Amino acid sequence: MRIKIIIVSVIFFIIGCVEQKVDYLNMGKDILSTNTMDKTELLRAIEYFNSELKINPNSVETLKNLAIAYSKIHDDEKSYKVLSKAIDQNNIIAEELHTLKGLQYFAKINMKNQY
């Protein structure tokens, strides 16, 4: 009986030590979904997206959301660069990504003209 308890304890210990996969993509998307303009929160979302890209470097969805986050903190150069990378990786949603890139460009032009 004592051996069974030890074996069960060891199994629970091993299962408890298995590394849990963190869903960085959804953590970042959760921040974006609040429509926050708080730079600290947006920078945290950017960290999550970059962490996801380390795990899944070809994730077009992550690149798209990263570009949106960069756009919200007005880092247009990084946003364009990330969108271009996403477009190069996935022609299926290239039209959507080009549209997003164009909208960001025109928003930038309009902001410059207002000031």
PDB file of N, CA and C in Angstrom:
ATOM      1  N   MET A   1       0.822  -1.184   0.000  1.00  0.00           N
ATOM      2  CA  MET A   1       0.000   0.000   0.000  1.00  0.00           C
ATOM      3  C   MET A   1       0.874   1.258   0.000  1.00  0.00           C
ATOM      4  N   ARG A   2       1.941   1.194   0.779  1.00  0.00           N
ATOM      5  CA  ARG A   2       2.833   2.350   0.874  1.00  0.00           C
ATOM      6  C   ARG A   2       3.505   2.639  -0.473  1.00  0.00           C
ATOM      7  N   ILE A   3       3.853   1.603  -1.221  1.00  0.00           N
ATOM      8  CA  ILE A   3       4.480   1.767  -2.527  1.00  0.00           C
ATOM      9  C   ILE A   3       3.503   2.428  -3.495  1.00  0.00           C
ATOM     10  N   LYS A   4       2.223   2.066  -3.430  1.00  0.00           N
ATOM     11  CA  LYS A   4       1.211   2.675  -4.297  1.00  0.00           C
ATOM     12  C   LYS A   4       1.090   4.163  -4.013  1.00  0.00           C
ATOM     13  N   ILE A   5       1.114   4.529  -2.758  1.00  0.00           N
ATOM     14  CA  ILE A   5       1.022   5.949  -2.384  1.00  0.00           C
ATOM     15  C   ILE A   5       2.239   6.706  -2.916  1.00  0.00           C
ATOM     16  N   ILE A   6       3.395   6.122  -2.807  1.00  0.00           N
ATOM     17  CA  ILE A   6       4.622   6.760  -3.304  1.00  0.00           C
ATOM     18  C   ILE A   6       4.551   6.911  -4.823  1.00  0.00           C
ATOM     19  N   ILE A   7       4.126   5.874  -5.510  1.00  0.00           N
ATOM     20  CA  ILE A   7       4.027   5.926  -6.976  1.00  0.00           C
ATOM     21  C   ILE A   7       3.027   6.993  -7.409  1.00  0.00           C
ATOM     22  N   VAL A   8       1.870   7.032  -6.769  1.00  0.00           N
ATOM     23  CA  VAL A   8       0.855   8.044  -7.098  1.00  0.00           C
ATOM     24  C   VAL A   8       1.388   9.447  -6.805  1.00  0.00           C
ATOM     25  N   SER A   9       2.092   9.609  -5.707  1.00  0.00           N
ATOM     26  CA  SER A   9       2.670  10.913  -5.366  1.00  0.00           C
ATOM     27  C   SER A   9       3.687  11.349  -6.406  1.00  0.00           C
ATOM     28  N   VAL A  10       4.521  10.418  -6.847  1.00  0.00           N
ATOM     29  CA  VAL A  10       5.531  10.733  -7.864  1.00  0.00           C
ATOM     30  C   VAL A  10       4.848  11.124  -9.173  1.00  0.00           C
ATOM     31  N   ILE A  11       3.807  10.417  -9.551  1.00  0.00           N
ATOM     32  CA  ILE A  11       3.074  10.735 -10.789  1.00  0.00           C
ATOM     33  C   ILE A  11       2.474  12.134 -10.706  1.00  0.00           C
ATOM     34  N   PHE A  12       1.825  12.468  -9.594  1.00  0.00           N
ATOM     35  CA  PHE A  12       1.254  13.805  -9.433  1.00  0.00           C
ATOM     36  C   PHE A  12       2.338  14.876  -9.446  1.00  0.00           C
ATOM     37  N   PHE A  13       3.480  14.585  -8.862  1.00  0.00           N
ATOM     38  CA  PHE A  13       4.594  15.538  -8.858  1.00  0.00           C
ATOM     39  C   PHE A  13       5.093  15.785 -10.278  1.00  0.00           C
ATOM     40  N   ILE A  14       5.253  14.725 -11.052  1.00  0.00           N
ATOM     41  CA  ILE A  14       5.736  14.851 -12.431  1.00  0.00           C
ATOM     42  C   ILE A  14       4.727  15.628 -13.273  1.00  0.00           C
ATOM     43  N   ILE A  15       3.455  15.298 -13.140  1.00  0.00           N
ATOM     44  CA  ILE A  15       2.414  16.004 -13.899  1.00  0.00           C
ATOM     45  C   ILE A  15       2.377  17.478 -13.508  1.00  0.00           C
ATOM     46  N   GLY A  16       2.543  17.777 -12.242  1.00  0.00           N
ATOM     47  CA  GLY A  16       2.535  19.163 -11.775  1.00  0.00           C
ATOM     48  C   GLY A  16       3.721  19.968 -12.263  1.00  0.00           C
ATOM     49  N   CYS A  17       4.817  19.296 -12.556  1.00  0.00           N
ATOM     50  CA  CYS A  17       6.033  19.993 -13.007  1.00  0.00           C
ATOM     51  C   CYS A  17       6.087  20.181 -14.511  1.00  0.00           C
ATOM     52  N   VAL A  18       5.169  19.574 -15.254  1.00  0.00           N
ATOM     53  CA  VAL A  18       5.168  19.727 -16.701  1.00  0.00           C
ATOM     54  C   VAL A  18       4.868  21.191 -17.024  1.00  0.00           C
ATOM     55  N   GLU A  19       5.683  21.751 -17.905  1.00  0.00           N
ATOM     56  CA  GLU A  19       5.543  23.157 -18.254  1.00  0.00           C
ATOM     57  C   GLU A  19       4.217  23.399 -18.972  1.00  0.00           C
ATOM     58  N   GLN A  20       3.487  24.382 -18.493  1.00  0.00           N
ATOM     59  CA  GLN A  20       2.218  24.763 -19.092  1.00  0.00           C
ATOM     60  C   GLN A  20       2.491  25.715 -20.251  1.00  0.00           C
ATOM     61  N   LYS A  21       1.825  25.517 -21.383  1.00  0.00           N
ATOM     62  CA  LYS A  21       1.991  26.409 -22.517  1.00  0.00           C
ATOM     63  C   LYS A  21       1.191  27.683 -22.252  1.00  0.00           C
ATOM     64  N   VAL A  22       1.861  28.797 -22.355  1.00  0.00           N
ATOM     65  CA  VAL A  22       1.210  30.086 -22.156  1.00  0.00           C
ATOM     66  C   VAL A  22       0.686  30.551 -23.504  1.00  0.00           C
ATOM     67  N   ASP A  23      -0.547  31.014 -23.535  1.00  0.00           N
ATOM     68  CA  ASP A  23      -1.179  31.466 -24.770  1.00  0.00           C
ATOM     69  C   ASP A  23      -0.954  32.967 -24.929  1.00  0.00           C
ATOM     70  N   TYR A  24       0.259  33.324 -25.366  1.00  0.00           N
ATOM     71  CA  TYR A  24       0.624  34.734 -25.488  1.00  0.00           C
ATOM     72  C   TYR A  24      -0.242  35.458 -26.513  1.00  0.00           C
ATOM     73  N   LEU A  25      -0.594  34.776 -27.596  1.00  0.00           N
ATOM     74  CA  LEU A  25      -1.404  35.414 -28.637  1.00  0.00           C
ATOM     75  C   LEU A  25      -2.727  35.907 -28.062  1.00  0.00           C
ATOM     76  N   ASN A  26      -3.430  35.042 -27.359  1.00  0.00           N
ATOM     77  CA  ASN A  26      -4.728  35.452 -26.818  1.00  0.00           C
ATOM     78  C   ASN A  26      -4.600  36.450 -25.679  1.00  0.00           C
ATOM     79  N   MET A  27      -3.499  36.389 -24.943  1.00  0.00           N
ATOM     80  CA  MET A  27      -3.289  37.380 -23.887  1.00  0.00           C
ATOM     81  C   MET A  27      -3.131  38.776 -24.514  1.00  0.00           C
ATOM     82  N   GLY A  28      -2.384  38.855 -25.608  1.00  0.00           N
ATOM     83  CA  GLY A  28      -2.233  40.130 -26.308  1.00  0.00           C
ATOM     84  C   GLY A  28      -3.526  40.576 -26.953  1.00  0.00           C
ATOM     85  N   LYS A  29      -4.253  39.632 -27.566  1.00  0.00           N
ATOM     86  CA  LYS A  29      -5.532  39.969 -28.200  1.00  0.00           C
ATOM     87  C   LYS A  29      -6.544  40.466 -27.173  1.00  0.00           C
ATOM     88  N   ASP A  30      -6.493  39.914 -25.969  1.00  0.00           N
ATOM     89  CA  ASP A  30      -7.398  40.372 -24.913  1.00  0.00           C
ATOM     90  C   ASP A  30      -7.167  41.843 -24.601  1.00  0.00           C
ATOM     91  N   ILE A  31      -5.909  42.257 -24.583  1.00  0.00           N
ATOM     92  CA  ILE A  31      -5.601  43.668 -24.320  1.00  0.00           C
ATOM     93  C   ILE A  31      -6.110  44.530 -25.472  1.00  0.00           C
ATOM     94  N   LEU A  32      -5.865  44.099 -26.715  1.00  0.00           N
ATOM     95  CA  LEU A  32      -6.336  44.880 -27.867  1.00  0.00           C
ATOM     96  C   LEU A  32      -7.852  44.965 -27.918  1.00  0.00           C
ATOM     97  N   SER A  33      -8.521  43.909 -27.490  1.00  0.00           N
ATOM     98  CA  SER A  33      -9.989  43.891 -27.565  1.00  0.00           C
ATOM     99  C   SER A  33     -10.645  44.899 -26.628  1.00  0.00           C
ATOM    100  N   THR A  34      -9.892  45.401 -25.654  1.00  0.00           N
ATOM    101  CA  THR A  34     -10.464  46.413 -24.756  1.00  0.00           C
ATOM    102  C   THR A  34     -10.451  47.798 -25.387  1.00  0.00           C
ATOM    103  N   ASN A  35      -9.842  47.915 -26.578  1.00  0.00           N
ATOM    104  CA  ASN A  35      -9.696  49.197 -27.273  1.00  0.00           C
ATOM    105  C   ASN A  35      -8.958  50.226 -26.430  1.00  0.00           C
ATOM    106  N   THR A  36      -8.072  49.757 -25.599  1.00  0.00           N
ATOM    107  CA  THR A  36      -7.303  50.656 -24.748  1.00  0.00           C
ATOM    108  C   THR A  36      -6.319  51.464 -25.586  1.00  0.00           C
ATOM    109  N   MET A  37      -6.053  52.654 -25.150  1.00  0.00           N
ATOM    110  CA  MET A  37      -5.011  53.477 -25.760  1.00  0.00           C
ATOM    111  C   MET A  37      -3.899  53.729 -24.740  1.00  0.00           C
ATOM    112  N   ASP A  38      -3.962  53.018 -23.607  1.00  0.00           N
ATOM    113  CA  ASP A  38      -2.947  53.124 -22.568  1.00  0.00           C
ATOM    114  C   ASP A  38      -1.650  52.500 -23.081  1.00  0.00           C
ATOM    115  N   LYS A  39      -0.626  53.316 -23.197  1.00  0.00           N
ATOM    116  CA  LYS A  39       0.628  52.862 -23.798  1.00  0.00           C
ATOM    117  C   LYS A  39       1.244  51.700 -23.020  1.00  0.00           C
ATOM    118  N   THR A  40       1.145  51.723 -21.707  1.00  0.00           N
ATOM    119  CA  THR A  40       1.704  50.646 -20.893  1.00  0.00           C
ATOM    120  C   THR A  40       1.034  49.316 -21.227  1.00  0.00           C
ATOM    121  N   GLU A  41      -0.278  49.333 -21.355  1.00  0.00           N
ATOM    122  CA  GLU A  41      -1.018  48.112 -21.695  1.00  0.00           C
ATOM    123  C   GLU A  41      -0.668  47.641 -23.106  1.00  0.00           C
ATOM    124  N   LEU A  42      -0.567  48.585 -24.026  1.00  0.00           N
ATOM    125  CA  LEU A  42      -0.242  48.224 -25.404  1.00  0.00           C
ATOM    126  C   LEU A  42       1.172  47.662 -25.512  1.00  0.00           C
ATOM    127  N   LEU A  43       2.092  48.209 -24.741  1.00  0.00           N
ATOM    128  CA  LEU A  43       3.456  47.669 -24.726  1.00  0.00           C
ATOM    129  C   LEU A  43       3.471  46.249 -24.158  1.00  0.00           C
ATOM    130  N   ARG A  44       2.597  46.007 -23.200  1.00  0.00           N
ATOM    131  CA  ARG A  44       2.488  44.650 -22.648  1.00  0.00           C
ATOM    132  C   ARG A  44       1.954  43.691 -23.715  1.00  0.00           C
ATOM    133  N   ALA A  45       0.962  44.152 -24.495  1.00  0.00           N
ATOM    134  CA  ALA A  45       0.433  43.328 -25.590  1.00  0.00           C
ATOM    135  C   ALA A  45       1.537  43.037 -26.606  1.00  0.00           C
ATOM    136  N   ILE A  46       2.355  44.049 -26.909  1.00  0.00           N
ATOM    137  CA  ILE A  46       3.474  43.865 -27.844  1.00  0.00           C
ATOM    138  C   ILE A  46       4.444  42.814 -27.314  1.00  0.00           C
ATOM    139  N   GLU A  47       4.720  42.848 -26.022  1.00  0.00           N
ATOM    140  CA  GLU A  47       5.591  41.820 -25.420  1.00  0.00           C
ATOM    141  C   GLU A  47       4.994  40.430 -25.598  1.00  0.00           C
ATOM    142  N   TYR A  48       3.679  40.317 -25.375  1.00  0.00           N
ATOM    143  CA  TYR A  48       3.019  39.019 -25.540  1.00  0.00           C
ATOM    144  C   TYR A  48       3.139  38.538 -26.988  1.00  0.00           C
ATOM    145  N   PHE A  49       2.876  39.431 -27.945  1.00  0.00           N
ATOM    146  CA  PHE A  49       2.950  39.031 -29.350  1.00  0.00           C
ATOM    147  C   PHE A  49       4.376  38.631 -29.728  1.00  0.00           C
ATOM    148  N   ASN A  50       5.366  39.365 -29.251  1.00  0.00           N
ATOM    149  CA  ASN A  50       6.758  39.003 -29.538  1.00  0.00           C
ATOM    150  C   ASN A  50       7.128  37.663 -28.897  1.00  0.00           C
ATOM    151  N   SER A  51       6.589  37.398 -27.712  1.00  0.00           N
ATOM    152  CA  SER A  51       6.823  36.091 -27.069  1.00  0.00           C
ATOM    153  C   SER A  51       6.196  34.976 -27.893  1.00  0.00           C
ATOM    154  N   GLU A  52       5.008  35.224 -28.419  1.00  0.00           N
ATOM    155  CA  GLU A  52       4.340  34.224 -29.268  1.00  0.00           C
ATOM    156  C   GLU A  52       5.147  33.977 -30.540  1.00  0.00           C
ATOM    157  N   LEU A  53       5.729  35.039 -31.110  1.00  0.00           N
ATOM    158  CA  LEU A  53       6.521  34.887 -32.332  1.00  0.00           C
ATOM    159  C   LEU A  53       7.788  34.078 -32.093  1.00  0.00           C
ATOM    160  N   LYS A  54       8.310  34.098 -30.870  1.00  0.00           N
ATOM    161  CA  LYS A  54       9.469  33.260 -30.559  1.00  0.00           C
ATOM    162  C   LYS A  54       9.093  31.784 -30.621  1.00  0.00           C
ATOM    163  N   ILE A  55       7.857  31.486 -30.241  1.00  0.00           N
ATOM    164  CA  ILE A  55       7.370  30.108 -30.250  1.00  0.00           C
ATOM    165  C   ILE A  55       6.881  29.720 -31.646  1.00  0.00           C
ATOM    166  N   ASN A  56       6.180  30.648 -32.291  1.00  0.00           N
ATOM    167  CA  ASN A  56       5.541  30.388 -33.579  1.00  0.00           C
ATOM    168  C   ASN A  56       5.872  31.540 -34.537  1.00  0.00           C
ATOM    169  N   PRO A  57       7.084  31.552 -35.107  1.00  0.00           N
ATOM    170  CA  PRO A  57       7.540  32.698 -35.898  1.00  0.00           C
ATOM    171  C   PRO A  57       6.768  32.945 -37.190  1.00  0.00           C
ATOM    172  N   ASN A  58       6.003  31.980 -37.656  1.00  0.00           N
ATOM    173  CA  ASN A  58       5.256  32.140 -38.904  1.00  0.00           C
ATOM    174  C   ASN A  58       3.784  32.451 -38.687  1.00  0.00           C
ATOM    175  N   SER A  59       3.413  32.854 -37.496  1.00  0.00           N
ATOM    176  CA  SER A  59       2.014  33.143 -37.194  1.00  0.00           C
ATOM    177  C   SER A  59       1.597  34.495 -37.768  1.00  0.00           C
ATOM    178  N   VAL A  60       0.869  34.450 -38.867  1.00  0.00           N
ATOM    179  CA  VAL A  60       0.399  35.675 -39.509  1.00  0.00           C
ATOM    180  C   VAL A  60      -0.580  36.399 -38.600  1.00  0.00           C
ATOM    181  N   GLU A  61      -1.396  35.657 -37.870  1.00  0.00           N
ATOM    182  CA  GLU A  61      -2.346  36.285 -36.946  1.00  0.00           C
ATOM    183  C   GLU A  61      -1.611  37.086 -35.871  1.00  0.00           C
ATOM    184  N   THR A  62      -0.528  36.535 -35.365  1.00  0.00           N
ATOM    185  CA  THR A  62       0.267  37.249 -34.365  1.00  0.00           C
ATOM    186  C   THR A  62       0.895  38.492 -34.976  1.00  0.00           C
ATOM    187  N   LEU A  63       1.438  38.367 -36.179  1.00  0.00           N
ATOM    188  CA  LEU A  63       2.032  39.527 -36.848  1.00  0.00           C
ATOM    189  C   LEU A  63       0.995  40.620 -37.081  1.00  0.00           C
ATOM    190  N   LYS A  64      -0.191  40.226 -37.497  1.00  0.00           N
ATOM    191  CA  LYS A  64      -1.262  41.202 -37.741  1.00  0.00           C
ATOM    192  C   LYS A  64      -1.605  41.956 -36.455  1.00  0.00           C
ATOM    193  N   ASN A  65      -1.763  41.231 -35.371  1.00  0.00           N
ATOM    194  CA  ASN A  65      -2.103  41.872 -34.102  1.00  0.00           C
ATOM    195  C   ASN A  65      -0.950  42.719 -33.569  1.00  0.00           C
ATOM    196  N   LEU A  66       0.277  42.273 -33.803  1.00  0.00           N
ATOM    197  CA  LEU A  66       1.443  43.060 -33.406  1.00  0.00           C
ATOM    198  C   LEU A  66       1.464  44.383 -34.170  1.00  0.00           C
ATOM    199  N   ALA A  67       1.161  44.333 -35.453  1.00  0.00           N
ATOM    200  CA  ALA A  67       1.116  45.558 -36.261  1.00  0.00           C
ATOM    201  C   ALA A  67       0.047  46.521 -35.741  1.00  0.00           C
ATOM    202  N   ILE A  68      -1.093  45.994 -35.353  1.00  0.00           N
ATOM    203  CA  ILE A  68      -2.165  46.833 -34.800  1.00  0.00           C
ATOM    204  C   ILE A  68      -1.700  47.488 -33.505  1.00  0.00           C
ATOM    205  N   ALA A  69      -1.031  46.719 -32.660  1.00  0.00           N
ATOM    206  CA  ALA A  69      -0.545  47.272 -31.387  1.00  0.00           C
ATOM    207  C   ALA A  69       0.484  48.371 -31.637  1.00  0.00           C
ATOM    208  N   TYR A  70       1.417  48.136 -32.571  1.00  0.00           N
ATOM    209  CA  TYR A  70       2.393  49.176 -32.902  1.00  0.00           C
ATOM    210  C   TYR A  70       1.696  50.424 -33.446  1.00  0.00           C
ATOM    211  N   SER A  71       0.680  50.215 -34.237  1.00  0.00           N
ATOM    212  CA  SER A  71      -0.057  51.345 -34.800  1.00  0.00           C
ATOM    213  C   SER A  71      -0.723  52.170 -33.699  1.00  0.00           C
ATOM    214  N   LYS A  72      -1.252  51.492 -32.704  1.00  0.00           N
ATOM    215  CA  LYS A  72      -1.938  52.194 -31.609  1.00  0.00           C
ATOM    216  C   LYS A  72      -0.989  53.031 -30.763  1.00  0.00           C
ATOM    217  N   ILE A  73       0.297  52.655 -30.735  1.00  0.00           N
ATOM    218  CA  ILE A  73       1.259  53.483 -29.994  1.00  0.00           C
ATOM    219  C   ILE A  73       1.993  54.427 -30.946  1.00  0.00           C
ATOM    220  N   HIS A  74       1.482  54.508 -32.175  1.00  0.00           N
ATOM    221  CA  HIS A  74       1.993  55.428 -33.204  1.00  0.00           C
ATOM    222  C   HIS A  74       3.418  55.122 -33.632  1.00  0.00           C
ATOM    223  N   ASP A  75       3.777  53.844 -33.630  1.00  0.00           N
ATOM    224  CA  ASP A  75       5.065  53.423 -34.155  1.00  0.00           C
ATOM    225  C   ASP A  75       4.807  52.837 -35.541  1.00  0.00           C
ATOM    226  N   ASP A  76       4.555  53.742 -36.487  1.00  0.00           N
ATOM    227  CA  ASP A  76       4.122  53.328 -37.817  1.00  0.00           C
ATOM    228  C   ASP A  76       5.191  52.542 -38.577  1.00  0.00           C
ATOM    229  N   GLU A  77       6.444  52.886 -38.403  1.00  0.00           N
ATOM    230  CA  GLU A  77       7.495  52.164 -39.119  1.00  0.00           C
ATOM    231  C   GLU A  77       7.525  50.688 -38.739  1.00  0.00           C
ATOM    232  N   LYS A  78       7.437  50.406 -37.433  1.00  0.00           N
ATOM    233  CA  LYS A  78       7.431  49.003 -36.996  1.00  0.00           C
ATOM    234  C   LYS A  78       6.153  48.312 -37.465  1.00  0.00           C
ATOM    235  N   SER A  79       5.043  49.041 -37.431  1.00  0.00           N
ATOM    236  CA  SER A  79       3.777  48.478 -37.875  1.00  0.00           C
ATOM    237  C   SER A  79       3.845  48.079 -39.349  1.00  0.00           C
ATOM    238  N   TYR A  80       4.357  48.970 -40.202  1.00  0.00           N
ATOM    239  CA  TYR A  80       4.490  48.663 -41.628  1.00  0.00           C
ATOM    240  C   TYR A  80       5.422  47.477 -41.856  1.00  0.00           C
ATOM    241  N   LYS A  81       6.521  47.455 -41.119  1.00  0.00           N
ATOM    242  CA  LYS A  81       7.499  46.375 -41.266  1.00  0.00           C
ATOM    243  C   LYS A  81       6.864  45.025 -40.927  1.00  0.00           C
ATOM    244  N   VAL A  82       6.121  44.992 -39.827  1.00  0.00           N
ATOM    245  CA  VAL A  82       5.475  43.747 -39.393  1.00  0.00           C
ATOM    246  C   VAL A  82       4.399  43.334 -40.391  1.00  0.00           C
ATOM    247  N   LEU A  83       3.614  44.304 -40.888  1.00  0.00           N
ATOM    248  CA  LEU A  83       2.584  43.976 -41.881  1.00  0.00           C
ATOM    249  C   LEU A  83       3.212  43.442 -43.168  1.00  0.00           C
ATOM    250  N   SER A  84       4.310  44.047 -43.575  1.00  0.00           N
ATOM    251  CA  SER A  84       4.991  43.566 -44.783  1.00  0.00           C
ATOM    252  C   SER A  84       5.461  42.130 -44.613  1.00  0.00           C
ATOM    253  N   LYS A  85       5.978  41.811 -43.429  1.00  0.00           N
ATOM    254  CA  LYS A  85       6.412  40.438 -43.152  1.00  0.00           C
ATOM    255  C   LYS A  85       5.220  39.482 -43.209  1.00  0.00           C
ATOM    256  N   ALA A  86       4.090  39.905 -42.641  1.00  0.00           N
ATOM    257  CA  ALA A  86       2.893  39.061 -42.656  1.00  0.00           C
ATOM    258  C   ALA A  86       2.394  38.845 -44.078  1.00  0.00           C
ATOM    259  N   ILE A  87       2.433  39.902 -44.888  1.00  0.00           N
ATOM    260  CA  ILE A  87       1.991  39.791 -46.282  1.00  0.00           C
ATOM    261  C   ILE A  87       2.896  38.818 -47.036  1.00  0.00           C
ATOM    262  N   ASP A  88       4.194  38.911 -46.801  1.00  0.00           N
ATOM    263  CA  ASP A  88       5.141  38.013 -47.467  1.00  0.00           C
ATOM    264  C   ASP A  88       4.909  36.558 -47.082  1.00  0.00           C
ATOM    265  N   GLN A  89       4.436  36.325 -45.875  1.00  0.00           N
ATOM    266  CA  GLN A  89       4.267  34.950 -45.386  1.00  0.00           C
ATOM    267  C   GLN A  89       2.943  34.329 -45.787  1.00  0.00           C
ATOM    268  N   ASN A  90       1.930  35.160 -46.089  1.00  0.00           N
ATOM    269  CA  ASN A  90       0.614  34.581 -46.318  1.00  0.00           C
ATOM    270  C   ASN A  90      -0.141  35.364 -47.378  1.00  0.00           C
ATOM    271  N   ASN A  91      -0.216  34.819 -48.576  1.00  0.00           N
ATOM    272  CA  ASN A  91      -0.937  35.484 -49.647  1.00  0.00           C
ATOM    273  C   ASN A  91      -2.448  35.348 -49.513  1.00  0.00           C
ATOM    274  N   ILE A  92      -2.905  34.423 -48.702  1.00  0.00           N
ATOM    275  CA  ILE A  92      -4.348  34.198 -48.555  1.00  0.00           C
ATOM    276  C   ILE A  92      -5.039  35.420 -47.958  1.00  0.00           C
ATOM    277  N   ILE A  93      -4.417  36.044 -46.970  1.00  0.00           N
ATOM    278  CA  ILE A  93      -5.040  37.220 -46.353  1.00  0.00           C
ATOM    279  C   ILE A  93      -4.297  38.508 -46.713  1.00  0.00           C
ATOM    280  N   ALA A  94      -3.532  38.465 -47.807  1.00  0.00           N
ATOM    281  CA  ALA A  94      -2.750  39.629 -48.211  1.00  0.00           C
ATOM    282  C   ALA A  94      -3.641  40.840 -48.458  1.00  0.00           C
ATOM    283  N   GLU A  95      -4.807  40.642 -49.048  1.00  0.00           N
ATOM    284  CA  GLU A  95      -5.714  41.771 -49.321  1.00  0.00           C
ATOM    285  C   GLU A  95      -6.112  42.470 -48.020  1.00  0.00           C
ATOM    286  N   GLU A  96      -6.465  41.686 -47.011  1.00  0.00           N
ATOM    287  CA  GLU A  96      -6.837  42.262 -45.714  1.00  0.00           C
ATOM    288  C   GLU A  96      -5.662  43.019 -45.101  1.00  0.00           C
ATOM    289  N   LEU A  97      -4.479  42.446 -45.196  1.00  0.00           N
ATOM    290  CA  LEU A  97      -3.303  43.085 -44.613  1.00  0.00           C
ATOM    291  C   LEU A  97      -2.911  44.351 -45.372  1.00  0.00           C
ATOM    292  N   HIS A  98      -3.036  44.315 -46.708  1.00  0.00           N
ATOM    293  CA  HIS A  98      -2.762  45.526 -47.489  1.00  0.00           C
ATOM    294  C   HIS A  98      -3.759  46.630 -47.136  1.00  0.00           C
ATOM    295  N   THR A  99      -5.002  46.261 -46.949  1.00  0.00           N
ATOM    296  CA  THR A  99      -6.026  47.239 -46.563  1.00  0.00           C
ATOM    297  C   THR A  99      -5.682  47.861 -45.215  1.00  0.00           C
ATOM    298  N   LEU A 100      -5.288  47.039 -44.258  1.00  0.00           N
ATOM    299  CA  LEU A 100      -4.902  47.539 -42.942  1.00  0.00           C
ATOM    300  C   LEU A 100      -3.706  48.477 -43.053  1.00  0.00           C
ATOM    301  N   LYS A 101      -2.748  48.104 -43.862  1.00  0.00           N
ATOM    302  CA  LYS A 101      -1.552  48.934 -44.059  1.00  0.00           C
ATOM    303  C   LYS A 101      -1.951  50.278 -44.693  1.00  0.00           C
ATOM    304  N   GLY A 102      -2.844  50.250 -45.661  1.00  0.00           N
ATOM    305  CA  GLY A 102      -3.313  51.480 -46.302  1.00  0.00           C
ATOM    306  C   GLY A 102      -4.071  52.374 -45.336  1.00  0.00           C
ATOM    307  N   LEU A 103      -4.916  51.788 -44.519  1.00  0.00           N
ATOM    308  CA  LEU A 103      -5.663  52.574 -43.534  1.00  0.00           C
ATOM    309  C   LEU A 103      -4.724  53.254 -42.551  1.00  0.00           C
ATOM    310  N   GLN A 104      -3.685  52.541 -42.144  1.00  0.00           N
ATOM    311  CA  GLN A 104      -2.711  53.134 -41.229  1.00  0.00           C
ATOM    312  C   GLN A 104      -1.972  54.286 -41.905  1.00  0.00           C
ATOM    313  N   TYR A 105      -1.647  54.119 -43.165  1.00  0.00           N
ATOM    314  CA  TYR A 105      -0.938  55.166 -43.890  1.00  0.00           C
ATOM    315  C   TYR A 105      -1.801  56.424 -43.991  1.00  0.00           C
ATOM    316  N   PHE A 106      -3.067  56.262 -44.380  1.00  0.00           N
ATOM    317  CA  PHE A 106      -3.940  57.426 -44.525  1.00  0.00           C
ATOM    318  C   PHE A 106      -4.242  58.080 -43.180  1.00  0.00           C
ATOM    319  N   ALA A 107      -4.327  57.300 -42.133  1.00  0.00           N
ATOM    320  CA  ALA A 107      -4.522  57.885 -40.797  1.00  0.00           C
ATOM    321  C   ALA A 107      -3.310  58.733 -40.425  1.00  0.00           C
ATOM    322  N   LYS A 108      -2.142  58.263 -40.765  1.00  0.00           N
ATOM    323  CA  LYS A 108      -0.910  59.013 -40.480  1.00  0.00           C
ATOM    324  C   LYS A 108      -0.892  60.327 -41.263  1.00  0.00           C
ATOM    325  N   ILE A 109      -1.270  60.283 -42.531  1.00  0.00           N
ATOM    326  CA  ILE A 109      -1.323  61.479 -43.371  1.00  0.00           C
ATOM    327  C   ILE A 109      -2.331  62.484 -42.808  1.00  0.00           C
ATOM    328  N   ASN A 110      -3.502  61.995 -42.421  1.00  0.00           N
ATOM    329  CA  ASN A 110      -4.538  62.875 -41.862  1.00  0.00           C
ATOM    330  C   ASN A 110      -4.090  63.532 -40.569  1.00  0.00           C
ATOM    331  N   MET A 111      -3.363  62.786 -39.732  1.00  0.00           N
ATOM    332  CA  MET A 111      -2.881  63.370 -38.469  1.00  0.00           C
ATOM    333  C   MET A 111      -1.866  64.461 -38.751  1.00  0.00           C
ATOM    334  N   LYS A 112      -0.995  64.244 -39.739  1.00  0.00           N
ATOM    335  CA  LYS A 112      -0.014  65.267 -40.077  1.00  0.00           C
ATOM    336  C   LYS A 112      -0.678  66.525 -40.606  1.00  0.00           C
ATOM    337  N   ASN A 113      -1.738  66.355 -41.386  1.00  0.00           N
ATOM    338  CA  ASN A 113      -2.441  67.505 -41.972  1.00  0.00           C
ATOM    339  C   ASN A 113      -3.236  68.297 -40.931  1.00  0.00           C
ATOM    340  N   GLN A 114      -3.614  67.658 -39.844  1.00  0.00           N
ATOM    341  CA  GLN A 114      -4.371  68.340 -38.793  1.00  0.00           C
ATOM    342  C   GLN A 114      -3.496  69.254 -37.966  1.00  0.00           C
ATOM    343  N   TYR A 115      -2.210  68.975 -37.931  1.00  0.00           N
ATOM    344  CA  TYR A 115      -1.327  69.763 -37.060  1.00  0.00           C
ATOM    345  C   TYR A 115      -0.479  70.633 -37.892  1.00  0.00           C
TER     346      TYR A 115
END
